[in-house]
Amino acid sequence: MDLLKFLNSKPNSKDVAKERLKLILIHDRVNVSPNFLEMVKWDIIKVISDYMDIDEEGLDIKLTDTKREDNTVVPALVANIPIKKVKYVNK
């Protein structure tokens, strides 16, 4: 029953605010604006569209932190791209 509560629960405002602040700090550290991230998103869509049909509304691109093998933390661009159909490309 606890699993159902977890799946149906909404994140509390504290967690949402914490995640937003984390994203702001990452954006600030790598010195990119939300406009820049939007331009990257559309460039990715343009390139990928030659090879597959994607769900542009479901596309999610964000900056986050990741650890390298030496445990240093570096910013990372993470893209979640829902694919509708792969196109056959004969080049």
Protein backbone atom coordinates (compact mmCIF):
# COMPACT_ATOMS: atom_id res chain seq x y z
CA MET A 1 0.00 0.00 0.00
CA ASP A 2 2.88 2.39 0.70
CA LEU A 3 4.09 1.91 -2.87
CA LEU A 4 0.74 3.17 -4.20
CA LYS A 5 0.96 6.22 -1.95
CA PHE A 6 4.48 6.89 -3.25
CA LEU A 7 3.43 6.58 -6.89
CA ASN A 8 0.39 8.82 -6.44
CA SER A 9 2.11 11.41 -4.28
CA LYS A 10 3.00 14.82 -5.59
CA PRO A 11 6.39 16.32 -4.74
CA ASN A 12 6.17 18.82 -1.91
CA SER A 13 7.01 22.47 -2.49
CA LYS A 14 10.30 22.13 -0.60
CA ASP A 15 11.55 19.46 -3.01
CA VAL A 16 10.38 21.40 -6.06
CA ALA A 17 12.11 24.57 -4.83
CA LYS A 18 15.27 22.62 -4.07
CA GLU A 19 15.32 21.13 -7.60
CA ARG A 20 14.73 24.56 -9.18
CA LEU A 21 17.55 26.11 -7.16
CA LYS A 22 19.87 23.26 -8.14
CA LEU A 23 19.08 23.85 -11.83
CA ILE A 24 19.66 27.60 -11.46
CA LEU A 25 23.04 26.99 -9.82
CA ILE A 26 24.07 24.57 -12.57
CA HIS A 27 23.00 27.02 -15.29
CA ASP A 28 24.92 29.78 -13.55
CA ARG A 29 28.05 27.67 -13.14
CA VAL A 30 28.23 26.74 -16.83
CA ASN A 31 27.09 30.23 -17.80
CA VAL A 32 24.25 29.32 -20.16
CA SER A 33 20.89 31.02 -20.38
CA PRO A 34 17.54 29.27 -20.71
CA ASN A 35 17.43 30.76 -24.23
CA PHE A 36 20.70 29.00 -25.07
CA LEU A 37 19.30 25.70 -23.80
CA GLU A 38 16.21 26.21 -25.98
CA MET A 39 18.43 26.82 -29.03
CA VAL A 40 20.32 23.58 -28.28
CA LYS A 41 16.99 21.76 -27.98
CA TRP A 42 15.85 22.91 -31.44
CA ASP A 43 19.23 22.08 -32.99
CA ILE A 44 18.99 18.56 -31.57
CA ILE A 45 15.46 18.22 -32.96
CA LYS A 46 16.64 19.39 -36.38
CA VAL A 47 19.51 16.89 -36.52
CA ILE A 48 17.61 13.90 -35.13
CA SER A 49 14.60 14.53 -37.38
CA ASP A 50 16.65 13.34 -40.37
CA TYR A 51 16.85 9.88 -38.79
CA MET A 52 13.68 9.45 -36.74
CA ASP A 53 10.30 10.94 -35.92
CA ILE A 54 10.35 12.20 -32.35
CA ASP A 55 7.76 13.54 -29.94
CA GLU A 56 8.87 17.17 -29.77
CA GLU A 57 6.41 17.97 -26.97
CA GLY A 58 7.83 15.16 -24.84
CA LEU A 59 11.45 16.17 -25.45
CA ASP A 60 13.19 17.10 -22.20
CA ILE A 61 16.66 18.62 -22.15
CA LYS A 62 18.28 19.82 -18.96
CA LEU A 63 21.59 20.50 -17.32
CA THR A 64 22.49 18.41 -14.32
CA ASP A 65 25.57 17.27 -12.42
CA THR A 66 27.41 14.02 -13.03
CA LYS A 67 30.49 12.43 -11.48
CA ARG A 68 33.55 11.49 -13.46
CA GLU A 69 35.58 8.39 -12.70
CA ASP A 70 37.88 10.52 -10.51
CA ASN A 71 34.78 11.65 -8.50
CA THR A 72 34.91 15.24 -9.70
CA VAL A 73 31.47 16.68 -10.33
CA VAL A 74 30.91 18.26 -13.74
CA PRO A 75 27.85 19.64 -15.51
CA ALA A 76 26.15 17.32 -18.01
CA LEU A 77 23.54 17.88 -20.70
CA VAL A 78 20.86 15.23 -20.38
CA ALA A 79 18.29 14.65 -23.12
CA ASN A 80 15.21 12.48 -22.91
CA ILE A 81 13.92 12.12 -26.48
CA PRO A 82 10.77 10.05 -27.05
CA ILE A 83 11.06 8.29 -30.43
CA LYS A 84 7.92 7.73 -32.49
CA LYS A 85 9.51 5.95 -35.44
CA VAL A 86 12.98 5.33 -36.83
CA LYS A 87 13.35 6.35 -40.47
CA TYR A 88 15.23 4.21 -42.93
CA VAL A 89 18.08 6.31 -44.28
CA ASN A 90 20.03 4.99 -47.26
CA LYS A 91 23.13 7.15 -47.61
